[in-house]
C-alpha atoms as a PDB file:
ATOM      1  CA  MET A   1      61.834  51.856  23.970  1.00  0.00           C
ATOM      2  CA  PHE A   2      63.877  49.009  22.521  1.00  0.00           C
ATOM      3  CA  GLU A   3      61.480  46.539  24.147  1.00  0.00           C
ATOM      4  CA  VAL A   4      58.617  47.867  22.002  1.00  0.00           C
ATOM      5  CA  THR A   5      60.432  46.780  18.848  1.00  0.00           C
ATOM      6  CA  ILE A   6      60.910  43.322  20.304  1.00  0.00           C
ATOM      7  CA  ILE A   7      57.203  43.150  21.193  1.00  0.00           C
ATOM      8  CA  ILE A   8      56.342  44.139  17.598  1.00  0.00           C
ATOM      9  CA  ALA A   9      58.504  41.282  16.320  1.00  0.00           C
ATOM     10  CA  VAL A  10      56.860  38.836  18.730  1.00  0.00           C
ATOM     11  CA  VAL A  11      53.352  39.947  17.678  1.00  0.00           C
ATOM     12  CA  LEU A  12      54.382  39.550  14.044  1.00  0.00           C
ATOM     13  CA  ALA A  13      55.740  36.067  14.741  1.00  0.00           C
ATOM     14  CA  ILE A  14      52.563  35.016  16.565  1.00  0.00           C
ATOM     15  CA  THR A  15      50.472  36.336  13.668  1.00  0.00           C
ATOM     16  CA  GLU A  16      52.562  34.323  11.214  1.00  0.00           C
ATOM     17  CA  PHE A  17      52.141  31.259  13.441  1.00  0.00           C
ATOM     18  CA  ILE A  18      48.357  31.743  13.442  1.00  0.00           C
ATOM     19  CA  LYS A  19      48.464  32.051   9.647  1.00  0.00           C
ATOM     20  CA  ARG A  20      50.371  28.807   9.240  1.00  0.00           C
ATOM     21  CA  LEU A  21      47.990  26.941  11.538  1.00  0.00           C
ATOM     22  CA  SER A  22      45.019  28.248   9.513  1.00  0.00           C
ATOM     23  CA  PHE A  23      43.397  29.105  12.825  1.00  0.00           C
ATOM     24  CA  ILE A  24      41.538  32.114  11.393  1.00  0.00           C
ATOM     25  CA  PRO A  25      40.985  33.282   7.787  1.00  0.00           C
ATOM     26  CA  VAL A  26      43.840  35.278   6.264  1.00  0.00           C
ATOM     27  CA  LYS A  27      41.698  38.387   5.799  1.00  0.00           C
ATOM     28  CA  TYR A  28      41.356  38.697   9.601  1.00  0.00           C
ATOM     29  CA  LEU A  29      45.077  38.458  10.384  1.00  0.00           C
ATOM     30  CA  PRO A  30      45.657  42.249  10.509  1.00  0.00           C
ATOM     31  CA  ALA A  31      42.828  42.505  13.055  1.00  0.00           C
ATOM     32  CA  ALA A  32      44.433  39.683  15.026  1.00  0.00           C
ATOM     33  CA  SER A  33      47.705  41.644  14.998  1.00  0.00           C
ATOM     34  CA  VAL A  34      45.952  44.694  16.421  1.00  0.00           C
ATOM     35  CA  VAL A  35      44.269  42.625  19.148  1.00  0.00           C
ATOM     36  CA  LEU A  36      47.565  40.943  20.042  1.00  0.00           C
ATOM     37  CA  GLY A  37      49.252  44.352  20.068  1.00  0.00           C
ATOM     38  CA  LEU A  38      46.615  45.746  22.413  1.00  0.00           C
ATOM     39  CA  LEU A  39      47.073  42.811  24.770  1.00  0.00           C
ATOM     40  CA  ALA A  40      50.840  43.199  24.651  1.00  0.00           C
ATOM     41  CA  GLY A  41      50.549  46.925  25.303  1.00  0.00           C
ATOM     42  CA  ILE A  42      48.294  46.417  28.281  1.00  0.00           C
ATOM     43  CA  PHE A  43      50.305  43.623  29.885  1.00  0.00           C
ATOM     44  CA  TYR A  44      53.929  44.190  28.851  1.00  0.00           C
ATOM     45  CA  VAL A  45      54.570  47.899  28.271  1.00  0.00           C
ATOM     46  CA  ASP A  46      55.650  49.688  31.441  1.00  0.00           C
ATOM     47  CA  VAL A  47      54.028  53.142  31.411  1.00  0.00           C
ATOM     48  CA  ALA A  48      52.045  55.065  34.007  1.00  0.00           C
ATOM     49  CA  THR A  49      48.435  55.141  32.789  1.00  0.00           C
ATOM     50  CA  MET A  50      46.065  52.733  31.091  1.00  0.00           C
ATOM     51  CA  GLN A  51      45.514  55.215  28.241  1.00  0.00           C
ATOM     52  CA  GLU A  52      49.224  55.117  27.447  1.00  0.00           C
ATOM     53  CA  LYS A  53      49.224  51.325  27.559  1.00  0.00           C
ATOM     54  CA  ILE A  54      46.319  51.222  25.100  1.00  0.00           C
ATOM     55  CA  MET A  55      48.027  53.743  22.819  1.00  0.00           C
ATOM     56  CA  PHE A  56      51.267  51.742  22.832  1.00  0.00           C
ATOM     57  CA  GLY A  57      49.252  48.574  22.214  1.00  0.00           C
ATOM     58  CA  LEU A  58      47.570  50.137  19.200  1.00  0.00           C
ATOM     59  CA  MET A  59      50.929  51.284  17.853  1.00  0.00           C
ATOM     60  CA  ILE A  60      52.386  47.808  18.341  1.00  0.00           C
ATOM     61  CA  GLY A  61      49.439  46.084  16.676  1.00  0.00           C
ATOM     62  CA  LEU A  62      49.262  48.478  13.751  1.00  0.00           C
ATOM     63  CA  ALA A  63      53.018  48.273  13.204  1.00  0.00           C
ATOM     64  CA  ALA A  64      52.859  44.479  13.200  1.00  0.00           C
ATOM     65  CA  ALA A  65      49.856  44.509  10.843  1.00  0.00           C
ATOM     66  CA  GLY A  66      51.693  46.867   8.514  1.00  0.00           C
ATOM     67  CA  LEU A  67      54.787  44.669   8.521  1.00  0.00           C
ATOM     68  CA  PHE A  68      52.605  41.644   7.855  1.00  0.00           C
ATOM     69  CA  ASP A  69      50.934  43.377   4.886  1.00  0.00           C
ATOM     70  CA  GLN A  70      54.316  44.435   3.487  1.00  0.00           C
ATOM     71  CA  SER A  71      55.590  40.863   3.682  1.00  0.00           C
ATOM     72  CA  LYS A  72      52.538  39.716   1.711  1.00  0.00           C
ATOM     73  CA  ILE A  73      53.300  42.272  -1.003  1.00  0.00           C
ATOM     74  CA  ILE A  74      56.934  41.141  -1.250  1.00  0.00           C
ATOM     75  CA  THR A  75      56.061  37.451  -1.501  1.00  0.00           C
ATOM     76  CA  LYS A  76      53.505  38.038  -4.294  1.00  0.00           C
ATOM     77  CA  LYS A  77      56.204  39.307  -6.707  1.00  0.00           C
END
């Protein structure tokens, strides 16, 4: 499951890249993290069923969105 942590970091990095390009408004970045996580779960996580891939994708996206929100809190101080 080490690869899942790497995928979370990649999703977080892509979200930060989208933020710096001002591609979408900042308030939609957590949703973008979830969508990117779902895509990563479907295409990159190696499990048996599609339901498991979607569940892993949701976990990846929500973890990346949570990390993104925590980094915003730290930088505001």
